[in-house]
Amino acid sequence: MAKTNRISINFKLPEDLLEEGRAFATENETTLTALVIEGLRCVLDSAHCADNGADAPKHEQDLANLKD
């Protein structure tokens, strides 16, 4: 698989969202960066989040639920 080129950016998040995101990432053995990437993909391509079957990782199911 080809390596994805990543660019570092800075942006501000509400403190409570940052704390909840970090806790969620830790619980789900992922990173806040991965959650932000997944969230952006869901916003930009709703079909990306359309499949939320039993095989979907927990964080993907939770992210999809946030859209409801």
C-alpha atoms as a PDB file:
ATOM      1  CA  MET A   1       0.000   0.000   0.000  1.00  0.00           C
ATOM      2  CA  ALA A   2       1.313   3.441  -0.906  1.00  0.00           C
ATOM      3  CA  LYS A   3       2.215   5.748   1.942  1.00  0.00           C
ATOM      4  CA  THR A   4      -0.104   8.725   2.352  1.00  0.00           C
ATOM      5  CA  ASN A   5       1.640  12.082   2.331  1.00  0.00           C
ATOM      6  CA  ARG A   6       0.550  14.024   5.411  1.00  0.00           C
ATOM      7  CA  ILE A   7       0.922  17.722   6.014  1.00  0.00           C
ATOM      8  CA  SER A   8       0.973  19.152   9.515  1.00  0.00           C
ATOM      9  CA  ILE A   9      -1.588  21.868  10.248  1.00  0.00           C
ATOM     10  CA  ASN A  10      -2.746  23.620  13.383  1.00  0.00           C
ATOM     11  CA  PHE A  11      -6.321  24.387  14.282  1.00  0.00           C
ATOM     12  CA  LYS A  12      -8.238  25.153  17.447  1.00  0.00           C
ATOM     13  CA  LEU A  13     -10.795  22.818  19.002  1.00  0.00           C
ATOM     14  CA  PRO A  14     -13.108  23.439  21.926  1.00  0.00           C
ATOM     15  CA  GLU A  15     -11.398  22.127  25.061  1.00  0.00           C
ATOM     16  CA  ASP A  16     -14.221  19.716  25.938  1.00  0.00           C
ATOM     17  CA  LEU A  17     -14.179  18.227  22.429  1.00  0.00           C
ATOM     18  CA  LEU A  18     -10.432  17.780  22.590  1.00  0.00           C
ATOM     19  CA  GLU A  19     -10.645  15.997  25.954  1.00  0.00           C
ATOM     20  CA  GLU A  20     -13.484  13.746  24.800  1.00  0.00           C
ATOM     21  CA  GLY A  21     -11.674  12.992  21.532  1.00  0.00           C
ATOM     22  CA  ARG A  22      -8.475  12.018  23.309  1.00  0.00           C
ATOM     23  CA  ALA A  23     -10.359   9.771  25.735  1.00  0.00           C
ATOM     24  CA  PHE A  24     -12.310   8.178  22.881  1.00  0.00           C
ATOM     25  CA  ALA A  25      -9.124   7.593  20.884  1.00  0.00           C
ATOM     26  CA  THR A  26      -7.433   5.960  23.873  1.00  0.00           C
ATOM     27  CA  GLU A  27     -10.437   3.695  24.544  1.00  0.00           C
ATOM     28  CA  ASN A  28     -10.481   2.599  20.913  1.00  0.00           C
ATOM     29  CA  GLU A  29      -6.715   2.203  20.543  1.00  0.00           C
ATOM     30  CA  THR A  30      -6.441   4.853  17.853  1.00  0.00           C
ATOM     31  CA  THR A  31      -5.285   8.448  17.640  1.00  0.00           C
ATOM     32  CA  LEU A  32      -7.069  11.764  17.618  1.00  0.00           C
ATOM     33  CA  THR A  33      -5.524  12.375  14.204  1.00  0.00           C
ATOM     34  CA  ALA A  34      -7.121   9.163  12.889  1.00  0.00           C
ATOM     35  CA  LEU A  35     -10.487  10.243  14.296  1.00  0.00           C
ATOM     36  CA  VAL A  36     -10.230  13.662  12.645  1.00  0.00           C
ATOM     37  CA  ILE A  37      -9.296  12.045   9.325  1.00  0.00           C
ATOM     38  CA  GLU A  38     -12.215   9.619   9.571  1.00  0.00           C
ATOM     39  CA  GLY A  39     -14.593  12.421  10.520  1.00  0.00           C
ATOM     40  CA  LEU A  40     -13.500  14.569   7.585  1.00  0.00           C
ATOM     41  CA  ARG A  41     -13.922  11.634   5.228  1.00  0.00           C
ATOM     42  CA  CYS A  42     -17.465  11.138   6.527  1.00  0.00           C
ATOM     43  CA  VAL A  43     -18.315  14.800   6.043  1.00  0.00           C
ATOM     44  CA  LEU A  44     -16.761  14.995   2.585  1.00  0.00           C
ATOM     45  CA  ASP A  45     -18.026  11.632   1.343  1.00  0.00           C
ATOM     46  CA  SER A  46     -21.143  10.426   3.120  1.00  0.00           C
ATOM     47  CA  ALA A  47     -20.923   7.109   1.240  1.00  0.00           C
ATOM     48  CA  HIS A  48     -17.686   6.475   3.141  1.00  0.00           C
ATOM     49  CA  CYS A  49     -19.730   6.223   6.351  1.00  0.00           C
ATOM     50  CA  ALA A  50     -22.779   4.517   4.861  1.00  0.00           C
ATOM     51  CA  ASP A  51     -21.623   0.974   5.714  1.00  0.00           C
ATOM     52  CA  ASN A  52     -21.960   0.598   9.454  1.00  0.00           C
ATOM     53  CA  GLY A  53     -22.514  -3.123   9.686  1.00  0.00           C
ATOM     54  CA  ALA A  54     -21.320  -5.416  12.445  1.00  0.00           C
ATOM     55  CA  ASP A  55     -17.849  -5.590  10.909  1.00  0.00           C
ATOM     56  CA  ALA A  56     -17.258  -1.843  11.171  1.00  0.00           C
ATOM     57  CA  PRO A  57     -14.809  -0.815  13.900  1.00  0.00           C
ATOM     58  CA  LYS A  58     -16.462   0.708  16.972  1.00  0.00           C
ATOM     59  CA  HIS A  59     -15.079   4.188  16.310  1.00  0.00           C
ATOM     60  CA  GLU A  60     -16.553   4.165  12.806  1.00  0.00           C
ATOM     61  CA  GLN A  61     -19.974   3.247  14.212  1.00  0.00           C
ATOM     62  CA  ASP A  62     -19.722   5.989  16.849  1.00  0.00           C
ATOM     63  CA  LEU A  63     -18.663   8.577  14.276  1.00  0.00           C
ATOM     64  CA  ALA A  64     -21.607   7.655  12.077  1.00  0.00           C
ATOM     65  CA  ASN A  65     -23.936   8.018  15.062  1.00  0.00           C
ATOM     66  CA  LEU A  66     -22.682  11.559  15.621  1.00  0.00           C
ATOM     67  CA  LYS A  67     -24.170  12.511  12.254  1.00  0.00           C
ATOM     68  CA  ASP A  68     -27.699  11.503  13.396  1.00  0.00           C
END
